Amino acid sequence: MKKIIVSNPEKCTGCRVCESVCSLVHTGRCNPAESRIRVMRWETKGLDIPVTCLQCEDPICEMVCPVNAISRNPDTGAMETNHDICIKCYMCVMACPFGGSLIAPNGDVLRCDLCGGEPQCVTLCQTKAIEYKRVDKVGVTKMRKAIKHFPSLYRVEKSM
């Protein structure tokens, strides 16, 4: 069963350990600018929100790539960029409505690869603000809970 990283902003303390461990695992350096997860701070609400690739079912990043450099890893389900093919047009970065595609200081496109199925950011998150869950366990219930607790994060328009 496919699994994804799920954020729980209500549990995030903004420590950014997830960013440090991600960059360390992938580059050998603790440099948050090279991380595939970012903690976004929403000052007016007092929230820290871990943001990473949602490994979408129909990924727009893959659809907009003009050279087909993005594909799903059959083992982990992670969307991955083939850097040998990528032309760094950043269409995937611009197209992602969730901010899951990022640009590294060297210009490479970064996206969570789920650490081969064992995301280290999840392992080291002390507050469990990020979890690695089966897609069928996340779904609508999680979305409803988030909308209820953080309604201003989501635009819910009433139909006329």
C-alpha atoms as a PDB file:
ATOM      1  CA  MET A   1       0.000   0.000   0.000  1.00  0.00           C
ATOM      2  CA  LYS A   2       1.276   3.457  -0.960  1.00  0.00           C
ATOM      3  CA  LYS A   3       2.464   5.676   1.904  1.00  0.00           C
ATOM      4  CA  ILE A   4       3.024   9.430   2.116  1.00  0.00           C
ATOM      5  CA  ILE A   5       4.367  11.944   4.602  1.00  0.00           C
ATOM      6  CA  VAL A   6       1.571  13.743   6.427  1.00  0.00           C
ATOM      7  CA  SER A   7       2.032  17.021   8.314  1.00  0.00           C
ATOM      8  CA  ASN A   8       0.360  17.877  11.603  1.00  0.00           C
ATOM      9  CA  PRO A   9       0.880  21.649  12.031  1.00  0.00           C
ATOM     10  CA  GLU A  10      -0.738  21.579  15.459  1.00  0.00           C
ATOM     11  CA  LYS A  11       2.162  19.413  16.703  1.00  0.00           C
ATOM     12  CA  CYS A  12       5.051  21.212  14.976  1.00  0.00           C
ATOM     13  CA  THR A  13       7.316  23.266  17.257  1.00  0.00           C
ATOM     14  CA  GLY A  14       9.346  24.769  14.411  1.00  0.00           C
ATOM     15  CA  CYS A  15      12.574  23.065  15.516  1.00  0.00           C
ATOM     16  CA  ARG A  16      13.440  22.290  11.871  1.00  0.00           C
ATOM     17  CA  VAL A  17      15.253  19.056  12.752  1.00  0.00           C
ATOM     18  CA  CYS A  18      13.443  17.518   9.777  1.00  0.00           C
ATOM     19  CA  GLU A  19      15.174  19.977   7.424  1.00  0.00           C
ATOM     20  CA  SER A  20      18.613  19.318   8.896  1.00  0.00           C
ATOM     21  CA  VAL A  21      18.334  15.539   8.855  1.00  0.00           C
ATOM     22  CA  CYS A  22      16.954  15.561   5.298  1.00  0.00           C
ATOM     23  CA  SER A  23      19.871  17.567   3.961  1.00  0.00           C
ATOM     24  CA  LEU A  24      22.348  15.474   5.977  1.00  0.00           C
ATOM     25  CA  VAL A  25      20.945  12.192   4.632  1.00  0.00           C
ATOM     26  CA  HIS A  26      20.889  13.400   1.026  1.00  0.00           C
ATOM     27  CA  THR A  27      24.026  15.551   0.818  1.00  0.00           C
ATOM     28  CA  GLY A  28      26.157  14.757   3.864  1.00  0.00           C
ATOM     29  CA  ARG A  29      25.741  18.371   5.054  1.00  0.00           C
ATOM     30  CA  CYS A  30      23.331  20.024   7.502  1.00  0.00           C
ATOM     31  CA  ASN A  31      22.063  22.729   5.184  1.00  0.00           C
ATOM     32  CA  PRO A  32      18.292  23.369   5.256  1.00  0.00           C
ATOM     33  CA  ALA A  33      18.530  24.984   1.795  1.00  0.00           C
ATOM     34  CA  GLU A  34      19.307  21.481   0.477  1.00  0.00           C
ATOM     35  CA  SER A  35      16.409  19.836   2.279  1.00  0.00           C
ATOM     36  CA  ARG A  36      13.423  18.249   0.567  1.00  0.00           C
ATOM     37  CA  ILE A  37      11.121  19.305   3.411  1.00  0.00           C
ATOM     38  CA  ARG A  38      10.583  22.876   4.569  1.00  0.00           C
ATOM     39  CA  VAL A  39       9.002  24.234   7.697  1.00  0.00           C
ATOM     40  CA  MET A  40       6.952  27.262   6.767  1.00  0.00           C
ATOM     41  CA  ARG A  41       6.263  29.716   9.571  1.00  0.00           C
ATOM     42  CA  TRP A  42       2.883  31.421   9.637  1.00  0.00           C
ATOM     43  CA  GLU A  43       3.586  34.201  12.108  1.00  0.00           C
ATOM     44  CA  THR A  44       0.075  35.635  12.416  1.00  0.00           C
ATOM     45  CA  LYS A  45      -1.369  32.243  13.373  1.00  0.00           C
ATOM     46  CA  GLY A  46       1.587  31.061  15.423  1.00  0.00           C
ATOM     47  CA  LEU A  47       1.930  27.956  13.272  1.00  0.00           C
ATOM     48  CA  ASP A  48       4.876  26.085  11.839  1.00  0.00           C
ATOM     49  CA  ILE A  49       3.862  23.892   8.915  1.00  0.00           C
ATOM     50  CA  PRO A  50       6.104  21.108   7.569  1.00  0.00           C
ATOM     51  CA  VAL A  51       5.734  21.071   3.762  1.00  0.00           C
ATOM     52  CA  THR A  52       6.932  18.319   1.474  1.00  0.00           C
ATOM     53  CA  CYS A  53       5.894  16.501  -1.695  1.00  0.00           C
ATOM     54  CA  LEU A  54       2.490  14.858  -1.318  1.00  0.00           C
ATOM     55  CA  GLN A  55       3.308  12.183  -3.921  1.00  0.00           C
ATOM     56  CA  CYS A  56       0.051  13.032  -5.716  1.00  0.00           C
ATOM     57  CA  GLU A  57      -1.978  10.346  -7.457  1.00  0.00           C
ATOM     58  CA  ASP A  58      -2.031  12.434 -10.672  1.00  0.00           C
ATOM     59  CA  PRO A  59       1.095  14.574 -10.181  1.00  0.00           C
ATOM     60  CA  ILE A  60       0.977  17.859 -12.025  1.00  0.00           C
ATOM     61  CA  CYS A  61       4.776  18.107 -11.729  1.00  0.00           C
ATOM     62  CA  GLU A  62       5.120  15.043 -13.939  1.00  0.00           C
ATOM     63  CA  MET A  63       2.498  16.328 -16.397  1.00  0.00           C
ATOM     64  CA  VAL A  64       4.167  19.712 -16.943  1.00  0.00           C
ATOM     65  CA  CYS A  65       7.732  18.445 -17.342  1.00  0.00           C
ATOM     66  CA  PRO A  66       8.616  19.084 -20.995  1.00  0.00           C
ATOM     67  CA  VAL A  67      11.371  16.436 -21.064  1.00  0.00           C
ATOM     68  CA  ASN A  68       9.715  13.686 -18.973  1.00  0.00           C
ATOM     69  CA  ALA A  69      12.386  13.910 -16.264  1.00  0.00           C
ATOM     70  CA  ILE A  70       9.896  13.162 -13.465  1.00  0.00           C
ATOM     71  CA  SER A  71       8.570   9.686 -12.786  1.00  0.00           C
ATOM     72  CA  ARG A  72       7.212   7.615  -9.931  1.00  0.00           C
ATOM     73  CA  ASN A  73       9.580   5.195  -8.220  1.00  0.00           C
ATOM     74  CA  PRO A  74       7.802   1.813  -8.500  1.00  0.00           C
ATOM     75  CA  ASP A  75       9.157   0.619  -5.154  1.00  0.00           C
ATOM     76  CA  THR A  76       8.452   3.627  -2.904  1.00  0.00           C
ATOM     77  CA  GLY A  77       5.797   5.513  -4.869  1.00  0.00           C
ATOM     78  CA  ALA A  78       7.895   8.695  -4.637  1.00  0.00           C
ATOM     79  CA  MET A  79       7.978  11.163  -7.510  1.00  0.00           C
ATOM     80  CA  GLU A  80      11.622  11.458  -8.558  1.00  0.00           C
ATOM     81  CA  THR A  81      13.530  13.742 -10.907  1.00  0.00           C
ATOM     82  CA  ASN A  82      16.127  12.313 -13.264  1.00  0.00           C
ATOM     83  CA  HIS A  83      18.777  15.046 -13.008  1.00  0.00           C
ATOM     84  CA  ASP A  84      20.525  13.770 -16.153  1.00  0.00           C
ATOM     85  CA  ILE A  85      17.418  14.663 -18.189  1.00  0.00           C
ATOM     86  CA  CYS A  86      16.122  17.694 -16.231  1.00  0.00           C
ATOM     87  CA  ILE A  87      16.698  21.001 -18.070  1.00  0.00           C
ATOM     88  CA  LYS A  88      15.999  23.105 -14.948  1.00  0.00           C
ATOM     89  CA  CYS A  89      13.051  24.939 -16.453  1.00  0.00           C
ATOM     90  CA  TYR A  90      11.351  24.749 -13.014  1.00  0.00           C
ATOM     91  CA  MET A  91       7.902  24.190 -14.501  1.00  0.00           C
ATOM     92  CA  CYS A  92       7.348  21.485 -11.856  1.00  0.00           C
ATOM     93  CA  VAL A  93       8.221  23.920  -9.082  1.00  0.00           C
ATOM     94  CA  MET A  94       5.838  26.555 -10.417  1.00  0.00           C
ATOM     95  CA  ALA A  95       3.046  24.059 -11.086  1.00  0.00           C
ATOM     96  CA  CYS A  96       2.961  22.353  -7.683  1.00  0.00           C
ATOM     97  CA  PRO A  97       0.076  23.902  -5.734  1.00  0.00           C
ATOM     98  CA  PHE A  98       1.462  22.525  -2.461  1.00  0.00           C
ATOM     99  CA  GLY A  99       5.066  23.733  -2.605  1.00  0.00           C
ATOM    100  CA  GLY A 100       6.401  20.181  -2.756  1.00  0.00           C
ATOM    101  CA  SER A 101       9.026  20.850  -5.429  1.00  0.00           C
ATOM    102  CA  LEU A 102      11.959  23.002  -4.373  1.00  0.00           C
ATOM    103  CA  ILE A 103      15.116  24.458  -5.905  1.00  0.00           C
ATOM    104  CA  ALA A 104      18.500  23.706  -4.321  1.00  0.00           C
ATOM    105  CA  PRO A 105      21.270  26.325  -4.175  1.00  0.00           C
ATOM    106  CA  ASN A 106      22.986  24.528  -7.091  1.00  0.00           C
ATOM    107  CA  GLY A 107      19.797  24.810  -9.187  1.00  0.00           C
ATOM    108  CA  ASP A 108      18.689  21.182  -8.954  1.00  0.00           C
ATOM    109  CA  VAL A 109      15.016  20.444  -8.393  1.00  0.00           C
ATOM    110  CA  LEU A 110      14.452  18.780  -5.031  1.00  0.00           C
ATOM    111  CA  ARG A 111      11.487  16.633  -4.132  1.00  0.00           C
ATOM    112  CA  CYS A 112      10.989  14.178  -1.283  1.00  0.00           C
ATOM    113  CA  ASP A 113      12.081  10.687  -2.309  1.00  0.00           C
ATOM    114  CA  LEU A 114      10.762   9.142   0.937  1.00  0.00           C
ATOM    115  CA  CYS A 115      14.318   8.026   1.788  1.00  0.00           C
ATOM    116  CA  GLY A 116      13.755   4.728   0.019  1.00  0.00           C
ATOM    117  CA  GLY A 117      10.669   4.015   2.133  1.00  0.00           C
ATOM    118  CA  GLU A 118      12.094   5.025   5.523  1.00  0.00           C
ATOM    119  CA  PRO A 119      11.829   8.831   5.769  1.00  0.00           C
ATOM    120  CA  GLN A 120      14.421   9.987   8.273  1.00  0.00           C
ATOM    121  CA  CYS A 121      12.609  13.276   8.945  1.00  0.00           C
ATOM    122  CA  VAL A 122       9.688  11.247  10.290  1.00  0.00           C
ATOM    123  CA  THR A 123      11.961   9.023  12.367  1.00  0.00           C
ATOM    124  CA  LEU A 124      13.585  12.007  14.100  1.00  0.00           C
ATOM    125  CA  CYS A 125      10.487  14.186  14.582  1.00  0.00           C
ATOM    126  CA  GLN A 126      10.079  14.141  18.368  1.00  0.00           C
ATOM    127  CA  THR A 127       6.565  15.635  18.381  1.00  0.00           C
ATOM    128  CA  LYS A 128       5.256  13.449  15.535  1.00  0.00           C
ATOM    129  CA  ALA A 129       4.389  16.577  13.539  1.00  0.00           C
ATOM    130  CA  ILE A 130       5.232  14.551  10.455  1.00  0.00           C
ATOM    131  CA  GLU A 131       4.167  10.959  10.012  1.00  0.00           C
ATOM    132  CA  TYR A 132       4.561   8.327   7.313  1.00  0.00           C
ATOM    133  CA  LYS A 133       1.111   6.893   6.727  1.00  0.00           C
ATOM    134  CA  ARG A 134      -0.747   4.726   4.291  1.00  0.00           C
ATOM    135  CA  VAL A 135      -2.728   6.852   1.855  1.00  0.00           C
ATOM    136  CA  ASP A 136      -5.962   5.063   2.710  1.00  0.00           C
ATOM    137  CA  LYS A 137      -5.500   6.077   6.374  1.00  0.00           C
ATOM    138  CA  VAL A 138      -5.143   9.798   5.597  1.00  0.00           C
ATOM    139  CA  GLY A 139      -7.880  10.868   3.204  1.00  0.00           C
ATOM    140  CA  VAL A 140     -10.993  12.862   3.907  1.00  0.00           C
ATOM    141  CA  THR A 141     -10.985  12.478   7.692  1.00  0.00           C
ATOM    142  CA  LYS A 142      -7.611  14.201   7.967  1.00  0.00           C
ATOM    143  CA  MET A 143      -8.686  16.975   5.596  1.00  0.00           C
ATOM    144  CA  ARG A 144     -11.884  17.608   7.555  1.00  0.00           C
ATOM    145  CA  LYS A 145      -9.952  17.795  10.809  1.00  0.00           C
ATOM    146  CA  ALA A 146      -7.497  20.291   9.314  1.00  0.00           C
ATOM    147  CA  ILE A 147     -10.290  22.463   7.910  1.00  0.00           C
ATOM    148  CA  LYS A 148     -12.089  22.450  11.251  1.00  0.00           C
ATOM    149  CA  HIS A 149      -8.981  23.447  13.226  1.00  0.00           C
ATOM    150  CA  PHE A 150      -7.442  25.834  10.679  1.00  0.00           C
ATOM    151  CA  PRO A 151     -10.294  27.187   8.516  1.00  0.00           C
ATOM    152  CA  SER A 152      -8.334  30.236   7.348  1.00  0.00           C
ATOM    153  CA  LEU A 153      -5.711  27.925   5.802  1.00  0.00           C
ATOM    154  CA  TYR A 154      -8.284  26.660   3.344  1.00  0.00           C
ATOM    155  CA  ARG A 155     -10.584  28.568   1.053  1.00  0.00           C
ATOM    156  CA  VAL A 156     -13.959  26.938   1.300  1.00  0.00           C
ATOM    157  CA  GLU A 157     -16.449  28.769  -0.844  1.00  0.00           C
ATOM    158  CA  LYS A 158     -20.151  28.254  -0.432  1.00  0.00           C
ATOM    159  CA  SER A 159     -22.016  27.270  -3.552  1.00  0.00           C
ATOM    160  CA  MET A 160     -24.745  29.657  -4.606  1.00  0.00           C
END
